[in-house]
PDB file of N, CA and C in Angstrom:
ATOM      1  N   UNK A   1      74.786  67.913  83.779  1.00  0.00           N
ATOM      2  CA  UNK A   1      75.830  68.052  82.772  1.00  0.00           C
ATOM      3  C   UNK A   1      76.263  69.512  82.686  1.00  0.00           C
ATOM      4  N   UNK A   2      77.494  69.716  82.268  1.00  0.00           N
ATOM      5  CA  UNK A   2      78.067  71.048  82.226  1.00  0.00           C
ATOM      6  C   UNK A   2      77.831  71.762  80.910  1.00  0.00           C
ATOM      7  N   UNK A   3      78.377  72.972  80.844  1.00  0.00           N
ATOM      8  CA  UNK A   3      78.279  73.758  79.616  1.00  0.00           C
ATOM      9  C   UNK A   3      79.508  74.646  79.482  1.00  0.00           C
ATOM     10  N   UNK A   4      79.753  75.096  78.252  1.00  0.00           N
ATOM     11  CA  UNK A   4      80.826  76.031  77.933  1.00  0.00           C
ATOM     12  C   UNK A   4      80.192  77.292  77.376  1.00  0.00           C
ATOM     13  N   UNK A   5      80.570  78.444  77.947  1.00  0.00           N
ATOM     14  CA  UNK A   5      80.042  79.723  77.469  1.00  0.00           C
ATOM     15  C   UNK A   5      81.158  80.760  77.451  1.00  0.00           C
ATOM     16  N   UNK A   6      80.871  81.903  76.840  1.00  0.00           N
ATOM     17  CA  UNK A   6      81.834  82.997  76.774  1.00  0.00           C
ATOM     18  C   UNK A   6      81.084  84.319  76.660  1.00  0.00           C
ATOM     19  N   UNK A   7      81.791  85.399  76.878  1.00  0.00           N
ATOM     20  CA  UNK A   7      81.313  86.732  76.531  1.00  0.00           C
ATOM     21  C   UNK A   7      82.529  87.614  76.294  1.00  0.00           C
ATOM     22  N   UNK A   8      82.299  88.745  75.617  1.00  0.00           N
ATOM     23  CA  UNK A   8      83.389  89.652  75.265  1.00  0.00           C
ATOM     24  C   UNK A   8      83.016  91.053  75.730  1.00  0.00           C
ATOM     25  N   UNK A   9      83.941  91.670  76.478  1.00  0.00           N
ATOM     26  CA  UNK A   9      83.765  93.048  76.939  1.00  0.00           C
ATOM     27  C   UNK A   9      84.809  93.946  76.283  1.00  0.00           C
ATOM     28  N   UNK A  10      84.361  95.025  75.696  1.00  0.00           N
ATOM     29  CA  UNK A  10      85.201  96.017  75.029  1.00  0.00           C
ATOM     30  C   UNK A  10      85.471  97.129  76.041  1.00  0.00           C
ATOM     31  N   UNK A  11      86.685  97.181  76.588  1.00  0.00           N
ATOM     32  CA  UNK A  11      86.987  98.180  77.616  1.00  0.00           C
ATOM     33  C   UNK A  11      87.430  99.520  77.031  1.00  0.00           C
ATOM     34  N   UNK A  12      87.659  99.606  75.727  1.00  0.00           N
ATOM     35  CA  UNK A  12      87.926 100.902  75.094  1.00  0.00           C
ATOM     36  C   UNK A  12      86.645 101.723  75.054  1.00  0.00           C
ATOM     37  N   UNK A  13      85.564 101.081  74.648  1.00  0.00           N
ATOM     38  CA  UNK A  13      84.282 101.773  74.516  1.00  0.00           C
ATOM     39  C   UNK A  13      83.388 101.586  75.739  1.00  0.00           C
ATOM     40  N   UNK A  14      83.824 100.760  76.685  1.00  0.00           N
ATOM     41  CA  UNK A  14      83.068 100.555  77.918  1.00  0.00           C
ATOM     42  C   UNK A  14      81.734  99.870  77.713  1.00  0.00           C
ATOM     43  N   UNK A  15      81.742  98.810  76.872  1.00  0.00           N
ATOM     44  CA  UNK A  15      80.470  98.149  76.568  1.00  0.00           C
ATOM     45  C   UNK A  15      80.711  96.695  76.188  1.00  0.00           C
ATOM     46  N   UNK A  16      79.628  95.908  76.162  1.00  0.00           N
ATOM     47  CA  UNK A  16      79.757  94.558  75.619  1.00  0.00           C
ATOM     48  C   UNK A  16      80.143  94.656  74.143  1.00  0.00           C
ATOM     49  N   UNK A  17      80.919  93.705  73.674  1.00  0.00           N
ATOM     50  CA  UNK A  17      81.388  93.718  72.284  1.00  0.00           C
ATOM     51  C   UNK A  17      80.418  92.925  71.407  1.00  0.00           C
ATOM     52  N   UNK A  18      79.554  93.642  70.725  1.00  0.00           N
ATOM     53  CA  UNK A  18      78.565  93.017  69.843  1.00  0.00           C
ATOM     54  C   UNK A  18      79.192  92.781  68.475  1.00  0.00           C
ATOM     55  N   UNK A  19      78.984  91.584  67.926  1.00  0.00           N
ATOM     56  CA  UNK A  19      79.427  91.294  66.564  1.00  0.00           C
ATOM     57  C   UNK A  19      80.831  90.712  66.452  1.00  0.00           C
ATOM     58  N   UNK A  20      81.387  90.203  67.544  1.00  0.00           N
ATOM     59  CA  UNK A  20      82.702  89.553  67.477  1.00  0.00           C
ATOM     60  C   UNK A  20      82.511  88.119  66.989  1.00  0.00           C
ATOM     61  N   UNK A  21      83.199  87.789  65.916  1.00  0.00           N
ATOM     62  CA  UNK A  21      83.166  86.420  65.403  1.00  0.00           C
ATOM     63  C   UNK A  21      84.054  85.544  66.281  1.00  0.00           C
ATOM     64  N   UNK A  22      83.542  84.358  66.619  1.00  0.00           N
ATOM     65  CA  UNK A  22      84.255  83.420  67.488  1.00  0.00           C
ATOM     66  C   UNK A  22      84.225  82.041  66.841  1.00  0.00           C
ATOM     67  N   UNK A  23      85.368  81.370  66.877  1.00  0.00           N
ATOM     68  CA  UNK A  23      85.448  79.981  66.440  1.00  0.00           C
ATOM     69  C   UNK A  23      85.863  79.128  67.633  1.00  0.00           C
ATOM     70  N   UNK A  24      85.262  77.964  67.762  1.00  0.00           N
ATOM     71  CA  UNK A  24      85.597  77.003  68.811  1.00  0.00           C
ATOM     72  C   UNK A  24      86.165  75.755  68.161  1.00  0.00           C
ATOM     73  N   UNK A  25      87.339  75.333  68.629  1.00  0.00           N
ATOM     74  CA  UNK A  25      88.013  74.143  68.124  1.00  0.00           C
ATOM     75  C   UNK A  25      88.240  73.152  69.251  1.00  0.00           C
ATOM     76  N   UNK A  26      88.245  71.888  68.915  1.00  0.00           N
ATOM     77  CA  UNK A  26      88.724  70.838  69.821  1.00  0.00           C
ATOM     78  C   UNK A  26      90.146  70.535  69.385  1.00  0.00           C
ATOM     79  N   UNK A  27      91.083  70.545  70.328  1.00  0.00           N
ATOM     80  CA  UNK A  27      92.482  70.271  70.035  1.00  0.00           C
ATOM     81  C   UNK A  27      92.727  68.773  70.137  1.00  0.00           C
ATOM     82  N   UNK A  28      93.376  68.238  69.137  1.00  0.00           N
ATOM     83  CA  UNK A  28      93.665  66.817  69.066  1.00  0.00           C
ATOM     84  C   UNK A  28      95.147  66.625  68.783  1.00  0.00           C
ATOM     85  N   UNK A  29      95.626  65.417  68.870  1.00  0.00           N
ATOM     86  CA  UNK A  29      97.041  65.142  68.630  1.00  0.00           C
ATOM     87  C   UNK A  29      97.460  65.532  67.223  1.00  0.00           C
ATOM     88  N   UNK A  30      96.571  65.383  66.252  1.00  0.00           N
ATOM     89  CA  UNK A  30      96.892  65.664  64.849  1.00  0.00           C
ATOM     90  C   UNK A  30      96.539  67.082  64.434  1.00  0.00           C
ATOM     91  N   UNK A  31      96.126  67.927  65.351  1.00  0.00           N
ATOM     92  CA  UNK A  31      95.731  69.286  65.002  1.00  0.00           C
ATOM     93  C   UNK A  31      94.495  69.711  65.761  1.00  0.00           C
ATOM     94  N   UNK A  32      93.568  70.322  65.038  1.00  0.00           N
ATOM     95  CA  UNK A  32      92.347  70.798  65.689  1.00  0.00           C
ATOM     96  C   UNK A  32      91.162  70.620  64.753  1.00  0.00           C
ATOM     97  N   UNK A  33      89.975  70.509  65.338  1.00  0.00           N
ATOM     98  CA  UNK A  33      88.735  70.361  64.577  1.00  0.00           C
ATOM     99  C   UNK A  33      87.806  71.503  64.934  1.00  0.00           C
ATOM    100  N   UNK A  34      87.271  72.155  63.925  1.00  0.00           N
ATOM    101  CA  UNK A  34      86.297  73.225  64.138  1.00  0.00           C
ATOM    102  C   UNK A  34      84.985  72.630  64.610  1.00  0.00           C
ATOM    103  N   UNK A  35      84.511  73.097  65.775  1.00  0.00           N
ATOM    104  CA  UNK A  35      83.237  72.626  66.328  1.00  0.00           C
ATOM    105  C   UNK A  35      82.102  73.604  66.079  1.00  0.00           C
ATOM    106  N   UNK A  36      82.429  74.900  66.098  1.00  0.00           N
ATOM    107  CA  UNK A  36      81.359  75.898  66.020  1.00  0.00           C
ATOM    108  C   UNK A  36      81.934  77.247  65.623  1.00  0.00           C
ATOM    109  N   UNK A  37      81.150  78.002  64.872  1.00  0.00           N
ATOM    110  CA  UNK A  37      81.412  79.406  64.582  1.00  0.00           C
ATOM    111  C   UNK A  37      80.179  80.179  65.013  1.00  0.00           C
ATOM    112  N   UNK A  38      80.389  81.276  65.728  1.00  0.00           N
ATOM    113  CA  UNK A  38      79.268  82.072  66.214  1.00  0.00           C
ATOM    114  C   UNK A  38      79.684  83.536  66.267  1.00  0.00           C
ATOM    115  N   UNK A  39      78.761  84.396  66.616  1.00  0.00           N
ATOM    116  CA  UNK A  39      79.004  85.831  66.750  1.00  0.00           C
ATOM    117  C   UNK A  39      78.318  86.317  68.018  1.00  0.00           C
ATOM    118  N   UNK A  40      78.980  87.238  68.721  1.00  0.00           N
ATOM    119  CA  UNK A  40      78.386  87.757  69.956  1.00  0.00           C
ATOM    120  C   UNK A  40      77.171  88.629  69.658  1.00  0.00           C
ATOM    121  N   UNK A  41      76.231  88.603  70.584  1.00  0.00           N
ATOM    122  CA  UNK A  41      74.999  89.383  70.452  1.00  0.00           C
ATOM    123  C   UNK A  41      75.158  90.781  71.081  1.00  0.00           C
ATOM    124  N   UNK A  42      74.060  91.502  71.254  1.00  0.00           N
ATOM    125  CA  UNK A  42      74.077  92.869  71.794  1.00  0.00           C
ATOM    126  C   UNK A  42      74.656  92.948  73.200  1.00  0.00           C
ATOM    127  N   UNK A  43      74.644  91.836  73.920  1.00  0.00           N
ATOM    128  CA  UNK A  43      75.158  91.785  75.291  1.00  0.00           C
ATOM    129  C   UNK A  43      76.587  91.236  75.346  1.00  0.00           C
ATOM    130  N   UNK A  44      77.230  91.042  74.185  1.00  0.00           N
ATOM    131  CA  UNK A  44      78.580  90.508  74.128  1.00  0.00           C
ATOM    132  C   UNK A  44      78.650  89.019  74.401  1.00  0.00           C
ATOM    133  N   UNK A  45      77.489  88.369  74.427  1.00  0.00           N
ATOM    134  CA  UNK A  45      77.416  86.932  74.716  1.00  0.00           C
ATOM    135  C   UNK A  45      76.963  86.186  73.467  1.00  0.00           C
ATOM    136  N   UNK A  46      77.053  84.877  73.523  1.00  0.00           N
ATOM    137  CA  UNK A  46      76.498  84.033  72.473  1.00  0.00           C
ATOM    138  C   UNK A  46      75.052  83.721  72.847  1.00  0.00           C
ATOM    139  N   UNK A  47      74.214  83.528  71.853  1.00  0.00           N
ATOM    140  CA  UNK A  47      72.792  83.284  72.118  1.00  0.00           C
ATOM    141  C   UNK A  47      72.526  81.969  72.832  1.00  0.00           C
ATOM    142  N   UNK A  48      73.473  81.049  72.769  1.00  0.00           N
ATOM    143  CA  UNK A  48      73.340  79.756  73.445  1.00  0.00           C
ATOM    144  C   UNK A  48      74.725  79.289  73.865  1.00  0.00           C
ATOM    145  N   UNK A  49      74.799  78.330  74.787  1.00  0.00           N
ATOM    146  CA  UNK A  49      76.119  77.818  75.170  1.00  0.00           C
ATOM    147  C   UNK A  49      76.874  77.277  73.948  1.00  0.00           C
ATOM    148  N   UNK A  50      78.186  77.407  73.971  1.00  0.00           N
ATOM    149  CA  UNK A  50      78.992  76.879  72.876  1.00  0.00           C
ATOM    150  C   UNK A  50      78.914  75.359  72.842  1.00  0.00           C
ATOM    151  N   UNK A  51      78.965  74.744  74.009  1.00  0.00           N
ATOM    152  CA  UNK A  51      78.789  73.300  74.169  1.00  0.00           C
ATOM    153  C   UNK A  51      77.980  73.088  75.432  1.00  0.00           C
ATOM    154  N   UNK A  52      77.200  72.028  75.460  1.00  0.00           N
ATOM    155  CA  UNK A  52      76.457  71.711  76.676  1.00  0.00           C
ATOM    156  C   UNK A  52      76.067  70.246  76.671  1.00  0.00           C
ATOM    157  N   UNK A  53      75.824  69.748  77.872  1.00  0.00           N
ATOM    158  CA  UNK A  53      75.423  68.352  78.084  1.00  0.00           C
ATOM    159  C   UNK A  53      76.417  67.400  77.432  1.00  0.00           C
ATOM    160  N   UNK A  54      75.944  66.516  76.554  1.00  0.00           N
ATOM    161  CA  UNK A  54      76.836  65.504  75.987  1.00  0.00           C
ATOM    162  C   UNK A  54      77.834  66.051  74.978  1.00  0.00           C
ATOM    163  N   UNK A  55      77.636  67.266  74.462  1.00  0.00           N
ATOM    164  CA  UNK A  55      78.610  67.821  73.517  1.00  0.00           C
ATOM    165  C   UNK A  55      79.845  68.379  74.223  1.00  0.00           C
ATOM    166  N   UNK A  56      79.745  68.646  75.526  1.00  0.00           N
ATOM    167  CA  UNK A  56      80.911  69.083  76.300  1.00  0.00           C
ATOM    168  C   UNK A  56      81.584  67.836  76.859  1.00  0.00           C
ATOM    169  N   UNK A  57      82.792  67.584  76.419  1.00  0.00           N
ATOM    170  CA  UNK A  57      83.547  66.421  76.887  1.00  0.00           C
ATOM    171  C   UNK A  57      84.900  66.890  77.410  1.00  0.00           C
ATOM    172  N   UNK A  58      85.522  66.048  78.206  1.00  0.00           N
ATOM    173  CA  UNK A  58      86.847  66.372  78.721  1.00  0.00           C
ATOM    174  C   UNK A  58      87.819  66.453  77.560  1.00  0.00           C
ATOM    175  N   UNK A  59      88.771  67.362  77.683  1.00  0.00           N
ATOM    176  CA  UNK A  59      89.758  67.516  76.618  1.00  0.00           C
ATOM    177  C   UNK A  59      90.235  68.946  76.520  1.00  0.00           C
ATOM    178  N   UNK A  60      90.990  69.206  75.461  1.00  0.00           N
ATOM    179  CA  UNK A  60      91.571  70.534  75.232  1.00  0.00           C
ATOM    180  C   UNK A  60      90.817  71.235  74.107  1.00  0.00           C
ATOM    181  N   UNK A  61      90.615  72.534  74.308  1.00  0.00           N
ATOM    182  CA  UNK A  61      89.848  73.347  73.365  1.00  0.00           C
ATOM    183  C   UNK A  61      90.587  74.647  73.064  1.00  0.00           C
ATOM    184  N   UNK A  62      90.150  75.303  71.997  1.00  0.00           N
ATOM    185  CA  UNK A  62      90.671  76.628  71.653  1.00  0.00           C
ATOM    186  C   UNK A  62      89.512  77.498  71.183  1.00  0.00           C
ATOM    187  N   UNK A  63      89.412  78.674  71.754  1.00  0.00           N
ATOM    188  CA  UNK A  63      88.498  79.710  71.275  1.00  0.00           C
ATOM    189  C   UNK A  63      89.337  80.734  70.528  1.00  0.00           C
ATOM    190  N   UNK A  64      88.878  81.148  69.354  1.00  0.00           N
ATOM    191  CA  UNK A  64      89.555  82.205  68.599  1.00  0.00           C
ATOM    192  C   UNK A  64      88.569  83.355  68.458  1.00  0.00           C
ATOM    193  N   UNK A  65      88.962  84.510  68.994  1.00  0.00           N
ATOM    194  CA  UNK A  65      88.147  85.727  68.959  1.00  0.00           C
ATOM    195  C   UNK A  65      88.733  86.654  67.890  1.00  0.00           C
ATOM    196  N   UNK A  66      87.938  87.046  66.913  1.00  0.00           N
ATOM    197  CA  UNK A  66      88.397  87.900  65.819  1.00  0.00           C
ATOM    198  C   UNK A  66      88.136  89.369  66.170  1.00  0.00           C
ATOM    199  N   UNK A  67      88.999  89.888  67.037  1.00  0.00           N
ATOM    200  CA  UNK A  67      88.802  91.234  67.557  1.00  0.00           C
ATOM    201  C   UNK A  67      89.313  92.327  66.627  1.00  0.00           C
ATOM    202  N   UNK A  68      90.261  92.017  65.756  1.00  0.00           N
ATOM    203  CA  UNK A  68      90.767  93.020  64.812  1.00  0.00           C
ATOM    204  C   UNK A  68      89.657  93.532  63.917  1.00  0.00           C
ATOM    205  N   UNK A  69      88.849  92.623  63.386  1.00  0.00           N
ATOM    206  CA  UNK A  69      87.742  93.040  62.518  1.00  0.00           C
ATOM    207  C   UNK A  69      86.662  93.763  63.319  1.00  0.00           C
ATOM    208  N   UNK A  70      86.457  93.361  64.571  1.00  0.00           N
ATOM    209  CA  UNK A  70      85.490  94.046  65.430  1.00  0.00           C
ATOM    210  C   UNK A  70      85.906  95.501  65.650  1.00  0.00           C
ATOM    211  N   UNK A  71      87.164  95.724  66.068  1.00  0.00           N
ATOM    212  CA  UNK A  71      87.620  97.092  66.343  1.00  0.00           C
ATOM    213  C   UNK A  71      87.703  97.928  65.063  1.00  0.00           C
ATOM    214  N   UNK A  72      88.013  97.309  63.931  1.00  0.00           N
ATOM    215  CA  UNK A  72      88.016  98.037  62.657  1.00  0.00           C
ATOM    216  C   UNK A  72      86.608  98.539  62.328  1.00  0.00           C
ATOM    217  N   UNK A  73      85.609  97.685  62.544  1.00  0.00           N
ATOM    218  CA  UNK A  73      84.220  98.080  62.277  1.00  0.00           C
ATOM    219  C   UNK A  73      83.767  99.201  63.209  1.00  0.00           C
ATOM    220  N   UNK A  74      84.318  99.241  64.414  1.00  0.00           N
ATOM    221  CA  UNK A  74      83.975 100.301  65.381  1.00  0.00           C
ATOM    222  C   UNK A  74      84.750 101.587  65.118  1.00  0.00           C
ATOM    223  N   UNK A  75      85.737 101.551  64.227  1.00  0.00           N
ATOM    224  CA  UNK A  75      86.550 102.731  63.948  1.00  0.00           C
ATOM    225  C   UNK A  75      87.577 103.013  65.030  1.00  0.00           C
ATOM    226  N   UNK A  76      87.919 102.005  65.818  1.00  0.00           N
ATOM    227  CA  UNK A  76      88.897 102.184  66.900  1.00  0.00           C
ATOM    228  C   UNK A  76      90.297 102.340  66.315  1.00  0.00           C
ATOM    229  N   UNK A  77      91.114 103.127  66.995  1.00  0.00           N
ATOM    230  CA  UNK A  77      92.502 103.310  66.599  1.00  0.00           C
ATOM    231  C   UNK A  77      93.239 101.979  66.744  1.00  0.00           C
ATOM    232  N   UNK A  78      93.849 101.522  65.645  1.00  0.00           N
ATOM    233  CA  UNK A  78      94.633 100.287  65.645  1.00  0.00           C
ATOM    234  C   UNK A  78      95.857 100.485  64.763  1.00  0.00           C
ATOM    235  N   UNK A  79      96.835  99.654  64.958  1.00  0.00           N
ATOM    236  CA  UNK A  79      97.972  99.639  64.032  1.00  0.00           C
ATOM    237  C   UNK A  79      97.563  98.827  62.806  1.00  0.00           C
ATOM    238  N   UNK A  80      98.386  98.901  61.768  1.00  0.00           N
ATOM    239  CA  UNK A  80      98.142  98.062  60.599  1.00  0.00           C
ATOM    240  C   UNK A  80      99.411  97.301  60.282  1.00  0.00           C
ATOM    241  N   UNK A  81      99.375  95.983  60.311  1.00  0.00           N
ATOM    242  CA  UNK A  81      98.232  95.160  60.687  1.00  0.00           C
ATOM    243  C   UNK A  81      97.913  95.315  62.170  1.00  0.00           C
ATOM    244  N   UNK A  82      96.712  94.931  62.590  1.00  0.00           N
ATOM    245  CA  UNK A  82      96.342  95.095  63.995  1.00  0.00           C
ATOM    246  C   UNK A  82      97.276  94.334  64.931  1.00  0.00           C
ATOM    247  N   UNK A  83      97.628  94.967  66.039  1.00  0.00           N
ATOM    248  CA  UNK A  83      98.476  94.327  67.044  1.00  0.00           C
ATOM    249  C   UNK A  83      97.823  93.028  67.524  1.00  0.00           C
ATOM    250  N   UNK A  84      96.533  93.082  67.850  1.00  0.00           N
ATOM    251  CA  UNK A  84      95.757  91.893  68.206  1.00  0.00           C
ATOM    252  C   UNK A  84      94.664  91.719  67.159  1.00  0.00           C
ATOM    253  N   UNK A  85      94.893  90.845  66.207  1.00  0.00           N
ATOM    254  CA  UNK A  85      93.933  90.628  65.133  1.00  0.00           C
ATOM    255  C   UNK A  85      92.968  89.506  65.502  1.00  0.00           C
ATOM    256  N   UNK A  86      93.505  88.333  65.757  1.00  0.00           N
ATOM    257  CA  UNK A  86      92.699  87.234  66.272  1.00  0.00           C
ATOM    258  C   UNK A  86      93.390  86.723  67.527  1.00  0.00           C
ATOM    259  N   UNK A  87      92.585  86.444  68.536  1.00  0.00           N
ATOM    260  CA  UNK A  87      93.114  86.063  69.851  1.00  0.00           C
ATOM    261  C   UNK A  87      92.709  84.618  70.144  1.00  0.00           C
ATOM    262  N   UNK A  88      93.693  83.701  70.152  1.00  0.00           N
ATOM    263  CA  UNK A  88      93.392  82.319  70.518  1.00  0.00           C
ATOM    264  C   UNK A  88      93.568  82.106  72.017  1.00  0.00           C
ATOM    265  N   UNK A  89      92.617  81.443  72.616  1.00  0.00           N
ATOM    266  CA  UNK A  89      92.718  81.080  74.031  1.00  0.00           C
ATOM    267  C   UNK A  89      92.549  79.572  74.122  1.00  0.00           C
ATOM    268  N   UNK A  90      93.595  78.908  74.591  1.00  0.00           N
ATOM    269  CA  UNK A  90      93.565  77.454  74.757  1.00  0.00           C
ATOM    270  C   UNK A  90      93.323  77.115  76.213  1.00  0.00           C
ATOM    271  N   UNK A  91      92.477  76.123  76.440  1.00  0.00           N
ATOM    272  CA  UNK A  91      92.127  75.736  77.802  1.00  0.00           C
ATOM    273  C   UNK A  91      91.703  74.275  77.801  1.00  0.00           C
ATOM    274  N   UNK A  92      91.603  73.702  78.982  1.00  0.00           N
ATOM    275  CA  UNK A  92      91.216  72.300  79.115  1.00  0.00           C
ATOM    276  C   UNK A  92      89.951  72.171  79.951  1.00  0.00           C
ATOM    277  N   UNK A  93      89.134  71.223  79.590  1.00  0.00           N
ATOM    278  CA  UNK A  93      87.973  70.835  80.376  1.00  0.00           C
ATOM    279  C   UNK A  93      88.354  69.543  81.084  1.00  0.00           C
ATOM    280  N   UNK A  94      88.458  69.609  82.391  1.00  0.00           N
ATOM    281  CA  UNK A  94      88.857  68.449  83.189  1.00  0.00           C
ATOM    282  C   UNK A  94      87.649  67.665  83.692  1.00  0.00           C
ATOM    283  N   UNK A  95      86.504  68.339  83.829  1.00  0.00           N
ATOM    284  CA  UNK A  95      85.302  67.699  84.356  1.00  0.00           C
ATOM    285  C   UNK A  95      84.104  68.222  83.569  1.00  0.00           C
ATOM    286  N   UNK A  96      83.590  67.411  82.663  1.00  0.00           N
ATOM    287  CA  UNK A  96      82.509  67.836  81.774  1.00  0.00           C
ATOM    288  C   UNK A  96      81.188  68.073  82.499  1.00  0.00           C
ATOM    289  N   UNK A  97      81.113  67.744  83.770  1.00  0.00           N
ATOM    290  CA  UNK A  97      79.902  68.016  84.545  1.00  0.00           C
ATOM    291  C   UNK A  97      79.902  69.442  85.090  1.00  0.00           C
ATOM    292  N   UNK A  98      81.018  70.135  85.006  1.00  0.00           N
ATOM    293  CA  UNK A  98      81.151  71.508  85.498  1.00  0.00           C
ATOM    294  C   UNK A  98      80.761  72.510  84.398  1.00  0.00           C
ATOM    295  N   UNK A  99      80.498  73.743  84.807  1.00  0.00           N
ATOM    296  CA  UNK A  99      80.311  74.840  83.866  1.00  0.00           C
ATOM    297  C   UNK A  99      81.650  75.542  83.664  1.00  0.00           C
ATOM    298  N   UNK A 100      81.969  75.822  82.418  1.00  0.00           N
ATOM    299  CA  UNK A 100      83.192  76.544  82.059  1.00  0.00           C
ATOM    300  C   UNK A 100      82.778  77.806  81.312  1.00  0.00           C
ATOM    301  N   UNK A 101      83.144  78.950  81.871  1.00  0.00           N
ATOM    302  CA  UNK A 101      82.866  80.236  81.241  1.00  0.00           C
ATOM    303  C   UNK A 101      84.221  80.880  80.967  1.00  0.00           C
ATOM    304  N   UNK A 102      84.500  81.171  79.689  1.00  0.00           N
ATOM    305  CA  UNK A 102      85.797  81.708  79.281  1.00  0.00           C
ATOM    306  C   UNK A 102      85.566  83.075  78.635  1.00  0.00           C
ATOM    307  N   UNK A 103      85.555  84.140  79.435  1.00  0.00           N
ATOM    308  CA  UNK A 103      85.304  85.472  78.903  1.00  0.00           C
ATOM    309  C   UNK A 103      86.569  86.117  78.354  1.00  0.00           C
ATOM    310  N   UNK A 104      86.370  87.137  77.536  1.00  0.00           N
ATOM    311  CA  UNK A 104      87.475  87.926  77.000  1.00  0.00           C
ATOM    312  C   UNK A 104      87.195  89.393  77.312  1.00  0.00           C
ATOM    313  N   UNK A 105      88.153  90.044  77.953  1.00  0.00           N
ATOM    314  CA  UNK A 105      88.115  91.489  78.206  1.00  0.00           C
ATOM    315  C   UNK A 105      89.206  92.063  77.310  1.00  0.00           C
ATOM    316  N   UNK A 106      88.848  92.995  76.402  1.00  0.00           N
ATOM    317  CA  UNK A 106      89.771  93.312  75.313  1.00  0.00           C
ATOM    318  C   UNK A 106      89.788  94.786  74.926  1.00  0.00           C
ATOM    319  N   UNK A 107      90.947  95.228  74.458  1.00  0.00           N
ATOM    320  CA  UNK A 107      91.154  96.485  73.747  1.00  0.00           C
ATOM    321  C   UNK A 107      91.963  96.128  72.496  1.00  0.00           C
ATOM    322  N   UNK A 108      92.251  97.069  71.614  1.00  0.00           N
ATOM    323  CA  UNK A 108      93.114  96.737  70.472  1.00  0.00           C
ATOM    324  C   UNK A 108      94.554  96.399  70.882  1.00  0.00           C
ATOM    325  N   UNK A 109      94.914  96.645  72.144  1.00  0.00           N
ATOM    326  CA  UNK A 109      96.308  96.501  72.569  1.00  0.00           C
ATOM    327  C   UNK A 109      96.531  95.499  73.691  1.00  0.00           C
ATOM    328  N   UNK A 110      95.463  95.028  74.320  1.00  0.00           N
ATOM    329  CA  UNK A 110      95.618  94.106  75.438  1.00  0.00           C
ATOM    330  C   UNK A 110      94.356  93.277  75.614  1.00  0.00           C
ATOM    331  N   UNK A 111      94.521  92.147  76.301  1.00  0.00           N
ATOM    332  CA  UNK A 111      93.351  91.331  76.635  1.00  0.00           C
ATOM    333  C   UNK A 111      93.610  90.553  77.917  1.00  0.00           C
ATOM    334  N   UNK A 112      92.505  90.071  78.490  1.00  0.00           N
ATOM    335  CA  UNK A 112      92.571  89.262  79.697  1.00  0.00           C
ATOM    336  C   UNK A 112      91.444  88.241  79.639  1.00  0.00           C
ATOM    337  N   UNK A 113      91.667  87.127  80.322  1.00  0.00           N
ATOM    338  CA  UNK A 113      90.642  86.090  80.425  1.00  0.00           C
ATOM    339  C   UNK A 113      90.772  85.430  81.784  1.00  0.00           C
ATOM    340  N   UNK A 114      89.795  84.626  82.117  1.00  0.00           N
ATOM    341  CA  UNK A 114      89.812  83.875  83.365  1.00  0.00           C
ATOM    342  C   UNK A 114      88.810  82.731  83.223  1.00  0.00           C
ATOM    343  N   UNK A 115      88.826  81.805  84.161  1.00  0.00           N
ATOM    344  CA  UNK A 115      87.819  80.761  84.153  1.00  0.00           C
ATOM    345  C   UNK A 115      86.686  81.150  85.089  1.00  0.00           C
ATOM    346  N   UNK A 116      85.531  81.372  84.534  1.00  0.00           N
ATOM    347  CA  UNK A 116      84.340  81.607  85.315  1.00  0.00           C
ATOM    348  C   UNK A 116      83.525  80.323  85.384  1.00  0.00           C
ATOM    349  N   UNK A 117      82.306  80.428  85.870  1.00  0.00           N
ATOM    350  CA  UNK A 117      81.477  79.216  85.962  1.00  0.00           C
ATOM    351  C   UNK A 117      80.068  79.466  85.463  1.00  0.00           C
TER     352      UNK A 117
END
């Protein structure tokens, strides 16, 4: 069975982003359902997979990374309100037997993601 994981890298400070609040939603026709709220650890990762085995099913999901509050706590230069306050990333799981890794590489002004495994 597969799993869903993430990590956050802060490229302004050149380190893993510790303490980023993350919400995971399942997207449905009528909206979205909150599945999990977590925070990144010292390595910018979650302590456990966001979903794994039978909890990872095919469908559409959204991760929301609250980077505005993270960069504010670090004292990073930001606009007010922050240019990137919360970053939603929507993606689909086509095969629940696969591993899906959805990382975030971020600054207060830009971000990037990709599908890892």
